[in-house]
Structure formats: C-alpha cells, structure tokens
Amino acid sequence: ITPSTKVLYFESISNPTLAVADIPSLSAIAHEKNVKVVVDNTFSPMIISPAKLGADVVIHSISKYISGGADV
C-alpha cells in the first residue's frame, strides 16, 4: 500500500490457485491506511461472507456458480 492507494482489490477463493485470502488481516491493514477493500467473491458466494470479515464492497459474477454452470 502506497500513499496513493485508494482500493485494495482481491479475490477469495482465488482462481485458479484456490488460495484463500486472510480477509480480516488484509482489511485491517487497508483500513489503517484509509484504503477501501473490494473482494471478488465469485468463486465462493455461499461459503465466505467477506462483508462480515471486513470488506467494504463484495462483488459476484452471476455467470459462474450462482447461475448454475455459466449458462446465463
């Protein structure tokens, strides 16, 4: 994070590595610097709730899991 950073954007669970981000820790670090946290939760919308873990904005793609196999 630099002085010009406005947003910390990441995905959890990440694709294709399946890495799980430490959302509470990343959010705490970002918020200390007045940086907003945006989490792409497309891969795990039914498993992880980033908003409850400190994210300011959570996004999902309905062309994946939610649509039942990218058939939208």
N, C-alpha and C. Protein backbone atom coordinates (compact mmCIF):
# COMPACT_ATOMS: atom_id res chain seq x y z
N ILE A 1 0.86 -1.18 0.00
CA ILE A 1 0.00 0.00 0.00
C ILE A 1 0.90 1.23 0.00
N THR A 2 0.63 2.12 -0.95
CA THR A 2 1.38 3.37 -1.04
C THR A 2 0.46 4.53 -0.67
N PRO A 3 0.99 5.73 -0.50
CA PRO A 3 0.13 6.87 -0.16
C PRO A 3 -0.96 7.15 -1.20
N SER A 4 -0.76 6.72 -2.43
CA SER A 4 -1.77 6.97 -3.47
C SER A 4 -2.78 5.84 -3.62
N THR A 5 -2.64 4.76 -2.86
CA THR A 5 -3.56 3.63 -2.95
C THR A 5 -4.93 4.02 -2.41
N LYS A 6 -5.97 3.75 -3.19
CA LYS A 6 -7.35 4.05 -2.79
C LYS A 6 -8.15 2.78 -2.50
N VAL A 7 -7.81 1.70 -3.21
CA VAL A 7 -8.59 0.45 -3.11
C VAL A 7 -7.64 -0.74 -3.08
N LEU A 8 -7.95 -1.69 -2.20
CA LEU A 8 -7.28 -2.98 -2.19
C LEU A 8 -8.29 -3.98 -2.75
N TYR A 9 -7.97 -4.57 -3.89
CA TYR A 9 -8.88 -5.47 -4.60
C TYR A 9 -8.25 -6.85 -4.68
N PHE A 10 -9.01 -7.85 -4.26
CA PHE A 10 -8.52 -9.23 -4.37
C PHE A 10 -9.70 -10.17 -4.43
N GLU A 11 -9.43 -11.43 -4.78
CA GLU A 11 -10.47 -12.44 -4.79
C GLU A 11 -10.15 -13.51 -3.75
N SER A 12 -11.21 -14.10 -3.23
CA SER A 12 -11.04 -15.18 -2.27
C SER A 12 -12.27 -16.08 -2.40
N ILE A 13 -12.14 -17.18 -2.68
CA ILE A 13 -11.04 -18.07 -3.01
C ILE A 13 -10.55 -17.70 -4.42
N SER A 14 -9.23 -17.69 -4.62
CA SER A 14 -8.72 -17.24 -5.91
C SER A 14 -8.77 -18.35 -6.95
N ASN A 15 -8.89 -17.93 -8.18
CA ASN A 15 -8.94 -18.84 -9.30
C ASN A 15 -7.71 -18.55 -10.16
N PRO A 16 -6.90 -19.47 -10.53
CA PRO A 16 -7.06 -20.91 -10.45
C PRO A 16 -6.32 -21.56 -9.28
N THR A 17 -5.65 -20.79 -8.42
CA THR A 17 -4.78 -21.39 -7.40
C THR A 17 -5.51 -21.90 -6.17
N LEU A 18 -6.75 -21.48 -5.97
CA LEU A 18 -7.56 -21.84 -4.81
C LEU A 18 -6.99 -21.29 -3.50
N ALA A 19 -6.16 -20.26 -3.59
CA ALA A 19 -5.62 -19.62 -2.38
C ALA A 19 -6.75 -18.86 -1.68
N VAL A 20 -6.75 -18.93 -0.36
CA VAL A 20 -7.76 -18.23 0.44
C VAL A 20 -7.09 -17.04 1.11
N ALA A 21 -7.58 -15.85 0.79
CA ALA A 21 -7.01 -14.63 1.36
C ALA A 21 -7.44 -14.48 2.82
N ASP A 22 -6.57 -13.91 3.62
CA ASP A 22 -6.87 -13.61 5.02
C ASP A 22 -7.61 -12.27 5.04
N ILE A 23 -8.90 -12.31 4.78
CA ILE A 23 -9.70 -11.09 4.63
C ILE A 23 -9.65 -10.20 5.87
N PRO A 24 -9.80 -10.73 7.09
CA PRO A 24 -9.73 -9.84 8.26
C PRO A 24 -8.40 -9.10 8.38
N SER A 25 -7.30 -9.78 8.15
CA SER A 25 -5.99 -9.13 8.26
C SER A 25 -5.76 -8.12 7.15
N LEU A 26 -6.09 -8.49 5.92
CA LEU A 26 -5.93 -7.56 4.81
C LEU A 26 -6.82 -6.34 4.98
N SER A 27 -8.03 -6.54 5.47
CA SER A 27 -8.95 -5.42 5.71
C SER A 27 -8.42 -4.50 6.79
N ALA A 28 -7.90 -5.07 7.86
CA ALA A 28 -7.36 -4.25 8.96
C ALA A 28 -6.19 -3.40 8.48
N ILE A 29 -5.30 -3.99 7.71
CA ILE A 29 -4.15 -3.24 7.17
C ILE A 29 -4.63 -2.12 6.26
N ALA A 30 -5.56 -2.44 5.37
CA ALA A 30 -6.08 -1.43 4.44
C ALA A 30 -6.79 -0.31 5.18
N HIS A 31 -7.63 -0.66 6.14
CA HIS A 31 -8.40 0.36 6.85
C HIS A 31 -7.51 1.27 7.69
N GLU A 32 -6.39 0.76 8.19
CA GLU A 32 -5.43 1.61 8.91
C GLU A 32 -4.91 2.73 8.02
N LYS A 33 -4.88 2.48 6.71
CA LYS A 33 -4.37 3.45 5.74
C LYS A 33 -5.51 4.17 5.00
N ASN A 34 -6.75 4.01 5.50
CA ASN A 34 -7.94 4.60 4.86
C ASN A 34 -8.12 4.13 3.42
N VAL A 35 -7.84 2.86 3.19
CA VAL A 35 -7.99 2.24 1.88
C VAL A 35 -9.22 1.34 1.92
N LYS A 36 -10.09 1.46 0.92
CA LYS A 36 -11.28 0.61 0.83
C LYS A 36 -10.89 -0.79 0.35
N VAL A 37 -11.65 -1.78 0.82
CA VAL A 37 -11.39 -3.18 0.47
C VAL A 37 -12.53 -3.69 -0.41
N VAL A 38 -12.17 -4.19 -1.59
CA VAL A 38 -13.13 -4.77 -2.52
C VAL A 38 -12.74 -6.23 -2.73
N VAL A 39 -13.68 -7.13 -2.50
CA VAL A 39 -13.40 -8.56 -2.64
C VAL A 39 -14.28 -9.15 -3.74
N ASP A 40 -13.65 -9.80 -4.70
CA ASP A 40 -14.37 -10.56 -5.72
C ASP A 40 -14.64 -11.94 -5.12
N ASN A 41 -15.89 -12.18 -4.80
CA ASN A 41 -16.29 -13.42 -4.12
C ASN A 41 -17.02 -14.37 -5.07
N THR A 42 -16.73 -14.25 -6.36
CA THR A 42 -17.40 -15.05 -7.38
C THR A 42 -17.25 -16.55 -7.14
N PHE A 43 -16.08 -16.97 -6.72
CA PHE A 43 -15.79 -18.40 -6.59
C PHE A 43 -16.47 -19.04 -5.39
N SER A 44 -16.79 -18.24 -4.37
CA SER A 44 -17.29 -18.84 -3.12
C SER A 44 -18.43 -18.06 -2.47
N PRO A 45 -19.46 -17.67 -3.23
CA PRO A 45 -20.51 -16.83 -2.64
C PRO A 45 -21.32 -17.50 -1.53
N MET A 46 -21.36 -18.81 -1.52
CA MET A 46 -22.16 -19.50 -0.50
C MET A 46 -21.30 -19.93 0.70
N ILE A 47 -19.98 -19.78 0.60
CA ILE A 47 -19.08 -20.27 1.63
C ILE A 47 -18.49 -19.15 2.49
N ILE A 48 -18.09 -18.06 1.84
CA ILE A 48 -17.41 -16.97 2.53
C ILE A 48 -18.24 -15.70 2.42
N SER A 49 -18.34 -14.95 3.51
CA SER A 49 -19.05 -13.67 3.52
C SER A 49 -18.05 -12.56 3.83
N PRO A 50 -17.37 -12.03 2.80
CA PRO A 50 -16.34 -11.03 3.03
C PRO A 50 -16.82 -9.78 3.77
N ALA A 51 -18.06 -9.39 3.60
CA ALA A 51 -18.58 -8.20 4.29
C ALA A 51 -18.52 -8.40 5.81
N LYS A 52 -18.77 -9.62 6.25
CA LYS A 52 -18.70 -9.91 7.69
C LYS A 52 -17.26 -9.98 8.19
N LEU A 53 -16.31 -10.07 7.27
CA LEU A 53 -14.90 -10.20 7.62
C LEU A 53 -14.12 -8.91 7.43
N GLY A 54 -14.81 -7.82 7.05
CA GLY A 54 -14.15 -6.53 6.95
C GLY A 54 -14.14 -5.86 5.59
N ALA A 55 -14.60 -6.54 4.56
CA ALA A 55 -14.61 -5.94 3.22
C ALA A 55 -15.64 -4.82 3.15
N ASP A 56 -15.32 -3.78 2.40
CA ASP A 56 -16.24 -2.67 2.21
C ASP A 56 -17.21 -2.94 1.07
N VAL A 57 -16.73 -3.62 0.04
CA VAL A 57 -17.54 -3.94 -1.13
C VAL A 57 -17.27 -5.39 -1.51
N VAL A 58 -18.33 -6.12 -1.84
CA VAL A 58 -18.20 -7.51 -2.28
C VAL A 58 -18.89 -7.63 -3.63
N ILE A 59 -18.20 -8.24 -4.59
CA ILE A 59 -18.79 -8.43 -5.91
C ILE A 59 -18.88 -9.91 -6.23
N HIS A 60 -19.87 -10.24 -7.07
CA HIS A 60 -20.05 -11.61 -7.55
C HIS A 60 -20.34 -11.56 -9.04
N SER A 61 -19.94 -12.56 -9.76
CA SER A 61 -20.30 -12.70 -11.16
C SER A 61 -21.40 -13.76 -11.22
N ILE A 62 -22.55 -13.39 -11.78
CA ILE A 62 -23.63 -14.38 -11.85
C ILE A 62 -23.46 -15.33 -13.04
N SER A 63 -22.36 -15.18 -13.77
CA SER A 63 -22.12 -16.10 -14.88
C SER A 63 -21.37 -17.34 -14.44
N LYS A 64 -21.15 -17.48 -13.14
CA LYS A 64 -20.41 -18.63 -12.62
C LYS A 64 -21.32 -19.48 -11.74
N TYR A 65 -20.96 -19.66 -10.50
CA TYR A 65 -21.64 -20.54 -9.56
C TYR A 65 -23.13 -20.23 -9.41
N ILE A 66 -23.48 -18.97 -9.25
CA ILE A 66 -24.86 -18.58 -8.97
C ILE A 66 -25.81 -19.01 -10.08
N SER A 67 -25.35 -18.95 -11.35
CA SER A 67 -26.22 -19.26 -12.47
C SER A 67 -26.35 -20.76 -12.73
N GLY A 68 -25.58 -21.55 -12.03
CA GLY A 68 -25.68 -23.00 -12.22
C GLY A 68 -24.84 -23.51 -13.36
N GLY A 69 -23.68 -22.96 -13.56
CA GLY A 69 -22.79 -23.50 -14.58
C GLY A 69 -22.56 -22.59 -15.76
N ALA A 70 -22.61 -21.30 -15.55
CA ALA A 70 -22.31 -20.32 -16.60
C ALA A 70 -23.27 -20.42 -17.78
N ASP A 71 -24.53 -20.68 -17.51
CA ASP A 71 -25.49 -20.79 -18.60
C ASP A 71 -26.39 -19.56 -18.73
N VAL A 72 -25.94 -18.42 -18.23
CA VAL A 72 -26.74 -17.20 -18.36
C VAL A 72 -26.32 -16.45 -19.59
